[in-house]
């Protein structure tokens, strides 16, 4: 986990979504809030722009990406 309530990516920055295998592994293992939905797997390895940033209690960083469905955990995003 990153520093408490500190996002790795800023609004407007470009990110690469993790690979299909990484997303699937996260989807199967994550049991808490904002689980990945099946449709999100279709966006594996795609580039996207950060639209909004939020934080779940405890400091988990959550992202909304432009034109990409769902809420994204920071661990599912990479540098472009």
Protein backbone atom coordinates (compact mmCIF):
# COMPACT_ATOMS: atom_id res chain seq x y z
CA UNK A 1 0.00 0.00 0.00
CA UNK A 2 1.21 3.51 -0.75
CA UNK A 3 1.61 6.27 1.83
CA UNK A 4 -1.62 6.93 3.68
CA UNK A 5 -4.01 9.01 1.53
CA UNK A 6 -1.37 9.77 -1.12
CA UNK A 7 -2.15 8.90 -4.73
CA UNK A 8 0.58 7.64 -7.05
CA UNK A 9 -1.17 9.10 -10.13
CA UNK A 10 -2.65 12.59 -10.50
CA UNK A 11 -5.91 13.61 -12.17
CA UNK A 12 -5.23 14.02 -15.88
CA UNK A 13 -2.26 11.65 -15.94
CA UNK A 14 -2.07 8.65 -18.24
CA UNK A 15 -1.92 5.16 -16.74
CA UNK A 16 -1.69 1.66 -18.16
CA UNK A 17 -4.13 -0.87 -16.77
CA UNK A 18 -2.50 -4.08 -15.53
CA UNK A 19 -2.43 -7.24 -17.63
CA UNK A 20 -5.42 -9.57 -17.85
CA UNK A 21 -3.68 -12.14 -15.65
CA UNK A 22 -2.88 -9.54 -12.98
CA UNK A 23 -6.43 -8.21 -13.01
CA UNK A 24 -7.91 -11.69 -12.80
CA UNK A 25 -5.66 -12.59 -9.88
CA UNK A 26 -6.65 -9.38 -8.05
CA UNK A 27 -10.34 -9.96 -8.81
CA UNK A 28 -10.22 -13.48 -7.38
CA UNK A 29 -8.22 -12.56 -4.27
CA UNK A 30 -9.71 -9.18 -3.26
CA UNK A 31 -12.58 -9.70 -0.83
CA UNK A 32 -13.26 -6.16 0.38
CA UNK A 33 -14.73 -3.01 -1.15
CA UNK A 34 -14.90 -2.07 -4.84
CA UNK A 35 -14.29 -5.48 -6.35
CA UNK A 36 -13.30 -5.57 -10.01
CA UNK A 37 -16.15 -6.41 -12.33
CA UNK A 38 -15.84 -8.87 -15.21
CA UNK A 39 -16.19 -6.06 -17.77
CA UNK A 40 -13.10 -4.34 -16.37
CA UNK A 41 -10.94 -7.26 -17.51
CA UNK A 42 -11.62 -6.21 -21.11
CA UNK A 43 -9.48 -3.12 -20.52
CA UNK A 44 -6.31 -4.99 -19.56
CA UNK A 45 -3.11 -3.35 -20.84
CA UNK A 46 -5.02 -0.33 -22.20
CA UNK A 47 -3.98 3.26 -21.64
CA UNK A 48 -6.42 5.52 -19.81
CA UNK A 49 -6.60 8.98 -18.25
CA UNK A 50 -7.25 9.48 -14.54
CA UNK A 51 -10.55 11.32 -14.13
CA UNK A 52 -11.04 11.27 -10.34
CA UNK A 53 -9.24 10.03 -7.25
CA UNK A 54 -10.79 8.85 -4.02
CA UNK A 55 -9.70 7.08 -0.89
CA UNK A 56 -11.27 4.21 0.96
CA UNK A 57 -11.00 4.31 4.75
CA UNK A 58 -7.52 3.11 5.60
CA UNK A 59 -5.82 4.85 2.72
CA UNK A 60 -6.55 2.60 -0.26
CA UNK A 61 -6.41 4.78 -3.37
CA UNK A 62 -9.27 4.36 -5.83
CA UNK A 63 -9.43 5.82 -9.32
CA UNK A 64 -12.13 6.57 -11.86
CA UNK A 65 -10.72 6.51 -15.38
CA UNK A 66 -12.14 8.46 -18.33
CA UNK A 67 -14.21 6.31 -20.68
CA UNK A 68 -13.40 3.14 -18.74
CA UNK A 69 -16.02 1.46 -16.53
CA UNK A 70 -15.64 0.75 -12.86
CA UNK A 71 -13.52 1.86 -9.95
CA UNK A 72 -9.84 0.96 -10.13
CA UNK A 73 -7.51 0.12 -7.27
CA UNK A 74 -4.07 1.69 -7.52
CA UNK A 75 -2.43 -1.76 -7.56
CA UNK A 76 -4.20 -2.43 -10.88
CA UNK A 77 -2.59 0.56 -12.59
CA UNK A 78 0.89 1.05 -14.00
CA UNK A 79 3.07 3.81 -15.41
CA UNK A 80 2.39 4.09 -19.15
